[in-house]
C-alpha atoms as a PDB file:
ATOM      1  CA  MET A   1     -67.220 -77.408  66.729  1.00  0.00           C
ATOM      2  CA  SER A   2     -64.676 -75.004  68.120  1.00  0.00           C
ATOM      3  CA  ALA A   3     -61.499 -75.883  69.988  1.00  0.00           C
ATOM      4  CA  LYS A   4     -62.887 -74.030  73.003  1.00  0.00           C
ATOM      5  CA  SER A   5     -66.108 -76.047  73.083  1.00  0.00           C
ATOM      6  CA  LEU A   6     -64.154 -79.291  72.698  1.00  0.00           C
ATOM      7  CA  THR A   7     -61.920 -78.328  75.604  1.00  0.00           C
ATOM      8  CA  LYS A   8     -64.969 -77.753  77.791  1.00  0.00           C
ATOM      9  CA  LEU A   9     -66.405 -81.112  76.764  1.00  0.00           C
ATOM     10  CA  HIS A  10     -63.127 -82.862  77.535  1.00  0.00           C
ATOM     11  CA  GLU A  11     -63.066 -81.264  80.966  1.00  0.00           C
ATOM     12  CA  LYS A  12     -66.551 -82.606  81.700  1.00  0.00           C
ATOM     13  CA  LEU A  13     -65.718 -86.076  80.406  1.00  0.00           C
ATOM     14  CA  ASP A  14     -62.393 -86.208  82.254  1.00  0.00           C
ATOM     15  CA  GLU A  15     -64.220 -85.255  85.445  1.00  0.00           C
ATOM     16  CA  GLN A  16     -66.351 -88.385  85.085  1.00  0.00           C
ATOM     17  CA  ILE A  17     -63.227 -90.485  84.517  1.00  0.00           C
ATOM     18  CA  GLU A  18     -61.762 -89.139  87.773  1.00  0.00           C
ATOM     19  CA  LEU A  19     -65.004 -89.752  89.671  1.00  0.00           C
ATOM     20  CA  GLN A  20     -65.034 -93.283  88.296  1.00  0.00           C
ATOM     21  CA  LYS A  21     -61.498 -93.901  89.567  1.00  0.00           C
ATOM     22  CA  LYS A  22     -62.454 -92.678  93.041  1.00  0.00           C
ATOM     23  CA  ASN A  23     -65.890 -94.217  93.431  1.00  0.00           C
ATOM     24  CA  TRP A  24     -66.448 -97.168  91.092  1.00  0.00           C
ATOM     25  CA  LYS A  25     -65.587-100.321  93.004  1.00  0.00           C
ATOM     26  CA  SER A  26     -65.567-102.728  90.074  1.00  0.00           C
ATOM     27  CA  PHE A  27     -62.737-103.338  87.608  1.00  0.00           C
ATOM     28  CA  ILE A  28     -62.188-100.380  85.262  1.00  0.00           C
ATOM     29  CA  TYR A  29     -61.287-101.280  81.695  1.00  0.00           C
ATOM     30  CA  ALA A  30     -58.326 -99.511  80.062  1.00  0.00           C
ATOM     31  CA  GLN A  31     -57.680 -97.401  83.153  1.00  0.00           C
ATOM     32  CA  SER A  32     -54.116 -96.641  82.042  1.00  0.00           C
ATOM     33  CA  LYS A  33     -55.395 -94.757  78.995  1.00  0.00           C
ATOM     34  CA  GLY A  34     -58.439 -93.258  80.649  1.00  0.00           C
ATOM     35  CA  TYR A  35     -60.944 -94.197  77.961  1.00  0.00           C
ATOM     36  CA  TYR A  36     -61.780 -97.706  76.748  1.00  0.00           C
ATOM     37  CA  GLN A  37     -63.497 -96.362  73.632  1.00  0.00           C
ATOM     38  CA  GLY A  38     -61.999 -93.584  71.543  1.00  0.00           C
ATOM     39  CA  PHE A  39     -63.902 -91.174  69.314  1.00  0.00           C
ATOM     40  CA  ASP A  40     -62.090 -89.179  66.653  1.00  0.00           C
ATOM     41  CA  LYS A  41     -65.134 -86.966  66.120  1.00  0.00           C
ATOM     42  CA  ILE A  42     -64.596 -85.381  69.546  1.00  0.00           C
ATOM     43  CA  LYS A  43     -60.841 -86.018  69.646  1.00  0.00           C
ATOM     44  CA  ILE A  44     -60.892 -88.586  72.448  1.00  0.00           C
ATOM     45  CA  ASP A  45     -58.160 -91.218  72.370  1.00  0.00           C
ATOM     46  CA  GLY A  46     -59.039 -94.690  73.655  1.00  0.00           C
ATOM     47  CA  TRP A  47     -57.982 -98.307  73.378  1.00  0.00           C
ATOM     48  CA  LEU A  48     -60.791 -99.017  70.904  1.00  0.00           C
ATOM     49  CA  PRO A  49     -61.059 -96.186  68.348  1.00  0.00           C
ATOM     50  CA  THR A  50     -64.742 -96.018  67.369  1.00  0.00           C
ATOM     51  CA  GLU A  51     -64.467 -95.080  63.706  1.00  0.00           C
ATOM     52  CA  LYS A  52     -61.679 -97.581  63.047  1.00  0.00           C
ATOM     53  CA  ARG A  53     -63.554-100.292  64.926  1.00  0.00           C
ATOM     54  CA  PHE A  54     -66.797 -99.665  63.018  1.00  0.00           C
ATOM     55  CA  GLU A  55     -64.929 -99.918  59.714  1.00  0.00           C
ATOM     56  CA  SER A  56     -63.115-103.120  60.703  1.00  0.00           C
ATOM     57  CA  TYR A  57     -66.365-104.786  61.808  1.00  0.00           C
ATOM     58  CA  LYS A  58     -67.863-104.115  58.332  1.00  0.00           C
ATOM     59  CA  ILE A  59     -71.405-103.923  59.689  1.00  0.00           C
ATOM     60  CA  LYS A  60     -72.694-100.838  57.872  1.00  0.00           C
ATOM     61  CA  LYS A  61     -74.246-103.031  55.156  1.00  0.00           C
ATOM     62  CA  TYR A  62     -76.491-104.664  57.769  1.00  0.00           C
ATOM     63  CA  LEU A  63     -77.894-101.377  59.088  1.00  0.00           C
ATOM     64  CA  THR A  64     -80.734 -99.238  57.732  1.00  0.00           C
ATOM     65  CA  LYS A  65     -82.530 -96.069  58.780  1.00  0.00           C
ATOM     66  CA  GLU A  66     -85.584 -98.146  59.693  1.00  0.00           C
ATOM     67  CA  MET A  67     -83.802-100.211  62.344  1.00  0.00           C
ATOM     68  CA  SER A  68     -83.790-100.103  66.120  1.00  0.00           C
ATOM     69  CA  VAL A  69     -80.592-101.314  67.792  1.00  0.00           C
ATOM     70  CA  LEU A  70     -79.577-102.344  71.311  1.00  0.00           C
ATOM     71  CA  ASP A  71     -75.925-102.041  72.395  1.00  0.00           C
ATOM     72  CA  ILE A  72     -75.271-104.253  75.444  1.00  0.00           C
ATOM     73  CA  GLY A  73     -72.508-102.828  77.611  1.00  0.00           C
ATOM     74  CA  SER A  74     -72.294 -99.564  75.703  1.00  0.00           C
ATOM     75  CA  ASN A  75     -69.386 -98.192  77.790  1.00  0.00           C
ATOM     76  CA  CYS A  76     -68.781 -94.497  76.950  1.00  0.00           C
ATOM     77  CA  GLY A  77     -71.513 -94.634  74.317  1.00  0.00           C
ATOM     78  CA  PHE A  78     -69.187 -93.513  71.537  1.00  0.00           C
ATOM     79  CA  PHE A  79     -69.807 -96.555  69.346  1.00  0.00           C
ATOM     80  CA  SER A  80     -73.564 -96.259  69.896  1.00  0.00           C
ATOM     81  CA  ILE A  81     -73.582 -92.562  69.010  1.00  0.00           C
ATOM     82  CA  PHE A  82     -71.505 -93.168  65.881  1.00  0.00           C
ATOM     83  CA  THR A  83     -73.820 -96.018  64.821  1.00  0.00           C
ATOM     84  CA  SER A  84     -76.893 -93.811  65.320  1.00  0.00           C
ATOM     85  CA  ASP A  85     -76.096 -92.087  62.013  1.00  0.00           C
ATOM     86  CA  TYR A  86     -77.019 -95.297  60.197  1.00  0.00           C
ATOM     87  CA  VAL A  87     -80.144 -96.422  62.095  1.00  0.00           C
ATOM     88  CA  LYS A  88     -83.503 -95.109  63.305  1.00  0.00           C
ATOM     89  CA  LYS A  89     -82.541 -95.341  66.981  1.00  0.00           C
ATOM     90  CA  ILE A  90     -80.073 -97.064  69.271  1.00  0.00           C
ATOM     91  CA  ASP A  91     -80.346 -97.865  72.981  1.00  0.00           C
ATOM     92  CA  GLY A  92     -77.216 -98.389  75.055  1.00  0.00           C
ATOM     93  CA  VAL A  93     -77.367-100.230  78.369  1.00  0.00           C
ATOM     94  CA  GLU A  94     -74.416 -99.815  80.728  1.00  0.00           C
ATOM     95  CA  ILE A  95     -74.049-100.634  84.438  1.00  0.00           C
ATOM     96  CA  ASN A  96     -71.372 -97.997  85.171  1.00  0.00           C
ATOM     97  CA  PRO A  97     -73.055 -94.632  85.956  1.00  0.00           C
ATOM     98  CA  TYR A  98     -69.947 -92.599  85.116  1.00  0.00           C
ATOM     99  CA  LEU A  99     -69.814 -94.068  81.620  1.00  0.00           C
ATOM    100  CA  ILE A 100     -73.518 -93.332  81.216  1.00  0.00           C
ATOM    101  CA  ARG A 101     -72.867 -89.709  82.115  1.00  0.00           C
ATOM    102  CA  ILE A 102     -70.049 -89.566  79.537  1.00  0.00           C
ATOM    103  CA  SER A 103     -72.496 -90.961  76.962  1.00  0.00           C
ATOM    104  CA  GLU A 104     -75.103 -88.341  77.816  1.00  0.00           C
ATOM    105  CA  LEU A 105     -72.637 -85.445  77.768  1.00  0.00           C
ATOM    106  CA  THR A 106     -71.307 -86.559  74.378  1.00  0.00           C
ATOM    107  CA  LYS A 107     -74.792 -87.011  72.977  1.00  0.00           C
ATOM    108  CA  GLU A 108     -75.777 -83.518  74.134  1.00  0.00           C
ATOM    109  CA  PHE A 109     -72.605 -81.971  72.731  1.00  0.00           C
ATOM    110  CA  LEU A 110     -73.221 -83.533  69.310  1.00  0.00           C
ATOM    111  CA  ASP A 111     -76.934 -82.658  69.414  1.00  0.00           C
ATOM    112  CA  ASN A 112     -77.764 -86.308  68.853  1.00  0.00           C
ATOM    113  CA  ASN A 113     -81.437 -87.207  69.224  1.00  0.00           C
ATOM    114  CA  ASN A 114     -81.643 -90.900  68.343  1.00  0.00           C
ATOM    115  CA  SER A 115     -79.323 -92.520  70.865  1.00  0.00           C
ATOM    116  CA  PHE A 116     -80.563 -93.294  74.372  1.00  0.00           C
ATOM    117  CA  PHE A 117     -78.665 -94.595  77.385  1.00  0.00           C
ATOM    118  CA  TYR A 118     -79.811 -96.616  80.379  1.00  0.00           C
ATOM    119  CA  ASN A 119     -77.903 -97.172  83.612  1.00  0.00           C
ATOM    120  CA  SER A 120     -78.581-100.842  84.292  1.00  0.00           C
ATOM    121  CA  SER A 121     -77.119-104.298  84.094  1.00  0.00           C
ATOM    122  CA  PHE A 122     -78.378-106.289  81.117  1.00  0.00           C
ATOM    123  CA  GLU A 123     -80.008-108.731  83.527  1.00  0.00           C
ATOM    124  CA  ASP A 124     -82.104-105.963  85.126  1.00  0.00           C
ATOM    125  CA  PHE A 125     -82.716-103.924  81.973  1.00  0.00           C
ATOM    126  CA  LYS A 126     -86.462-103.593  81.378  1.00  0.00           C
ATOM    127  CA  ILE A 127     -86.825-103.922  77.645  1.00  0.00           C
ATOM    128  CA  LYS A 128     -89.978-102.298  76.276  1.00  0.00           C
ATOM    129  CA  GLU A 129     -89.592-103.318  72.655  1.00  0.00           C
ATOM    130  CA  LYS A 130     -87.982-105.858  70.378  1.00  0.00           C
ATOM    131  CA  TYR A 131     -84.944-104.827  68.390  1.00  0.00           C
ATOM    132  CA  ASP A 132     -83.909-105.358  64.779  1.00  0.00           C
ATOM    133  CA  VAL A 133     -80.222-105.592  65.721  1.00  0.00           C
ATOM    134  CA  ILE A 134     -78.470-106.302  69.002  1.00  0.00           C
ATOM    135  CA  PHE A 135     -74.762-105.652  69.600  1.00  0.00           C
ATOM    136  CA  SER A 136     -72.883-107.890  72.023  1.00  0.00           C
ATOM    137  CA  PHE A 137     -69.236-106.901  71.918  1.00  0.00           C
ATOM    138  CA  GLY A 138     -67.456-109.078  74.487  1.00  0.00           C
ATOM    139  CA  ASN A 139     -70.202-108.639  77.073  1.00  0.00           C
ATOM    140  CA  ASP A 140     -71.586-112.144  77.521  1.00  0.00           C
ATOM    141  CA  SER A 141     -69.220-112.481  80.479  1.00  0.00           C
ATOM    142  CA  THR A 142     -67.040-109.764  82.012  1.00  0.00           C
ATOM    143  CA  ILE A 143     -63.969-109.805  84.229  1.00  0.00           C
ATOM    144  CA  ASP A 144     -65.500-107.185  86.534  1.00  0.00           C
ATOM    145  CA  GLN A 145     -67.960-109.914  87.639  1.00  0.00           C
ATOM    146  CA  ASN A 146     -70.962-107.667  86.958  1.00  0.00           C
ATOM    147  CA  THR A 147     -72.475-110.130  84.478  1.00  0.00           C
ATOM    148  CA  LYS A 148     -74.594-112.613  86.441  1.00  0.00           C
ATOM    149  CA  PHE A 149     -76.156-114.553  83.566  1.00  0.00           C
ATOM    150  CA  ASN A 150     -74.508-117.706  82.345  1.00  0.00           C
ATOM    151  CA  PHE A 151     -74.031-117.799  78.572  1.00  0.00           C
ATOM    152  CA  ASN A 152     -77.280-119.627  77.810  1.00  0.00           C
ATOM    153  CA  GLU A 153     -79.305-117.230  79.952  1.00  0.00           C
ATOM    154  CA  TYR A 154     -77.627-114.270  78.291  1.00  0.00           C
ATOM    155  CA  ILE A 155     -78.493-115.498  74.797  1.00  0.00           C
ATOM    156  CA  GLU A 156     -82.019-116.406  75.891  1.00  0.00           C
ATOM    157  CA  LYS A 157     -82.720-112.808  76.908  1.00  0.00           C
ATOM    158  CA  ILE A 158     -81.286-111.576  73.610  1.00  0.00           C
ATOM    159  CA  LEU A 159     -83.520-113.937  71.634  1.00  0.00           C
ATOM    160  CA  LEU A 160     -86.622-112.923  73.574  1.00  0.00           C
ATOM    161  CA  ASN A 161     -85.975-109.304  72.651  1.00  0.00           C
ATOM    162  CA  LEU A 162     -84.846-109.729  69.047  1.00  0.00           C
ATOM    163  CA  ASN A 163     -87.307-109.345  66.186  1.00  0.00           C
ATOM    164  CA  ASP A 164     -88.062-112.235  63.853  1.00  0.00           C
ATOM    165  CA  ASP A 165     -85.190-112.308  61.359  1.00  0.00           C
ATOM    166  CA  GLY A 166     -83.331-109.850  63.582  1.00  0.00           C
ATOM    167  CA  LEU A 167     -79.545-109.814  63.777  1.00  0.00           C
ATOM    168  CA  LEU A 168     -77.177-110.393  66.673  1.00  0.00           C
ATOM    169  CA  ILE A 169     -73.742-108.912  65.966  1.00  0.00           C
ATOM    170  CA  PHE A 170     -71.499-110.759  68.382  1.00  0.00           C
ATOM    171  CA  VAL A 171     -67.833-110.300  69.266  1.00  0.00           C
ATOM    172  CA  ALA A 172     -66.196-112.921  71.475  1.00  0.00           C
ATOM    173  CA  GLN A 173     -64.806-111.880  74.818  1.00  0.00           C
ATOM    174  CA  ALA A 174     -61.052-111.886  75.301  1.00  0.00           C
ATOM    175  CA  ALA A 175     -61.016-114.916  77.609  1.00  0.00           C
ATOM    176  CA  ASP A 176     -62.571-117.075  74.876  1.00  0.00           C
ATOM    177  CA  MET A 177     -59.557-116.443  72.637  1.00  0.00           C
ATOM    178  CA  MET A 178     -56.991-117.930  75.060  1.00  0.00           C
ATOM    179  CA  PRO A 179     -56.970-120.355  73.277  1.00  0.00           C
ATOM    180  CA  ASP A 180     -59.701-119.732  70.709  1.00  0.00           C
ATOM    181  CA  THR A 181     -60.981-123.305  71.101  1.00  0.00           C
ATOM    182  CA  LYS A 182     -62.569-122.146  74.363  1.00  0.00           C
ATOM    183  CA  PHE A 183     -65.184-120.419  72.220  1.00  0.00           C
ATOM    184  CA  LEU A 184     -66.446-123.676  70.658  1.00  0.00           C
ATOM    185  CA  PRO A 185     -69.148-124.531  73.260  1.00  0.00           C
ATOM    186  CA  LYS A 186     -70.613-121.047  72.886  1.00  0.00           C
ATOM    187  CA  LEU A 187     -70.450-121.304  69.104  1.00  0.00           C
ATOM    188  CA  ASN A 188     -72.321-124.605  69.231  1.00  0.00           C
ATOM    189  CA  PHE A 189     -75.113-123.013  71.281  1.00  0.00           C
ATOM    190  CA  LEU A 190     -75.295-120.038  68.939  1.00  0.00           C
ATOM    191  CA  GLU A 191     -75.574-122.354  65.925  1.00  0.00           C
ATOM    192  CA  LYS A 192     -78.675-123.955  67.441  1.00  0.00           C
ATOM    193  CA  ASN A 193     -80.503-120.652  67.713  1.00  0.00           C
ATOM    194  CA  PHE A 194     -79.162-118.578  64.829  1.00  0.00           C
ATOM    195  CA  ASP A 195     -78.202-118.859  61.196  1.00  0.00           C
ATOM    196  CA  ILE A 196     -74.564-117.794  60.890  1.00  0.00           C
ATOM    197  CA  ILE A 197     -74.185-115.218  58.133  1.00  0.00           C
ATOM    198  CA  GLU A 198     -70.546-114.412  58.884  1.00  0.00           C
ATOM    199  CA  ASN A 199     -67.885-115.833  61.174  1.00  0.00           C
ATOM    200  CA  ARG A 200     -64.511-114.122  60.916  1.00  0.00           C
ATOM    201  CA  LEU A 201     -61.638-112.746  62.930  1.00  0.00           C
ATOM    202  CA  VAL A 202     -61.303-109.014  63.597  1.00  0.00           C
ATOM    203  CA  LYS A 203     -58.401-107.104  65.080  1.00  0.00           C
ATOM    204  CA  SER A 204     -58.566-106.434  68.818  1.00  0.00           C
ATOM    205  CA  GLU A 205     -56.546-103.627  70.428  1.00  0.00           C
ATOM    206  CA  TYR A 206     -57.466-104.505  74.015  1.00  0.00           C
ATOM    207  CA  PRO A 207     -56.218-106.390  75.905  1.00  0.00           C
ATOM    208  CA  ILE A 208     -52.901-106.337  74.058  1.00  0.00           C
ATOM    209  CA  ASN A 209     -52.346-110.093  74.541  1.00  0.00           C
ATOM    210  CA  VAL A 210     -55.481-110.816  72.470  1.00  0.00           C
ATOM    211  CA  PRO A 211     -54.759-109.463  68.971  1.00  0.00           C
ATOM    212  CA  GLU A 212     -57.873-110.951  67.340  1.00  0.00           C
ATOM    213  CA  ARG A 213     -61.404-111.938  68.261  1.00  0.00           C
ATOM    214  CA  PHE A 214     -64.226-113.770  66.528  1.00  0.00           C
ATOM    215  CA  LEU A 215     -66.980-111.595  65.072  1.00  0.00           C
ATOM    216  CA  LEU A 216     -70.230-113.298  64.113  1.00  0.00           C
ATOM    217  CA  ILE A 217     -73.224-111.942  62.224  1.00  0.00           C
ATOM    218  CA  LEU A 218     -76.130-114.074  63.420  1.00  0.00           C
ATOM    219  CA  LYS A 219     -79.706-114.138  62.141  1.00  0.00           C
ATOM    220  CA  ASN A 220     -82.557-115.140  64.421  1.00  0.00           C
ATOM    221  CA  LYS A 221     -83.983-118.489  63.361  1.00  0.00           C
ATOM    222  CA  ASN A 222     -87.114-117.773  65.389  1.00  0.00           C
ATOM    223  CA  GLU A 223     -86.837-121.372  66.600  1.00  0.00           C
ATOM    224  CA  ILE A 224     -85.977-121.477  70.286  1.00  0.00           C
ATOM    225  CA  TYR A 225     -83.687-124.320  71.405  1.00  0.00           C
ATOM    226  CA  PHE A 226     -83.037-123.290  75.001  1.00  0.00           C
END
């Protein structure tokens, strides 16, 4: 990719950031930096650098080229697009239309044909298939108040759309780390419905007052305990 083509892409993406600032009425994450997610591949700086984040999560070993993945709250789509190199296909669902447009522009620029983006809340998202892996990175509850499900309802929809023996890769939201004992009721519910393969802390760049979050690799028990 040439410097000229990257400049044109950045202009298109920055235009969506400006439209978001003017028109999006909900809370905007990482507004001071412009982008919540970063992507070295297209030289976009953000609070959460995609390549660094993917490496720190250590999830590559759980992904194969036969898998379908759902990314709940896919934001700019950078993490989804990066992950698409390791799976058959990935769907990103995101309520913010400006972030969806950024995802689509980036996908087109990179000539990516196995990532797909849907402008919808998770509650309203019409899922047409079950997934092998579902990503939930701090999206079970959001400070912009756009998540209407309670935690149990959120996990119920995930379970209904996760294949037998499918994986939920779950990162705790920031509020559950202040203090981290706030996460215990959610962990107890997760333990009823999943086998915990991994439970560890990963570095968190945003918000800056939450330096670490829990990351869990969870396997569907296929035994519903709603």
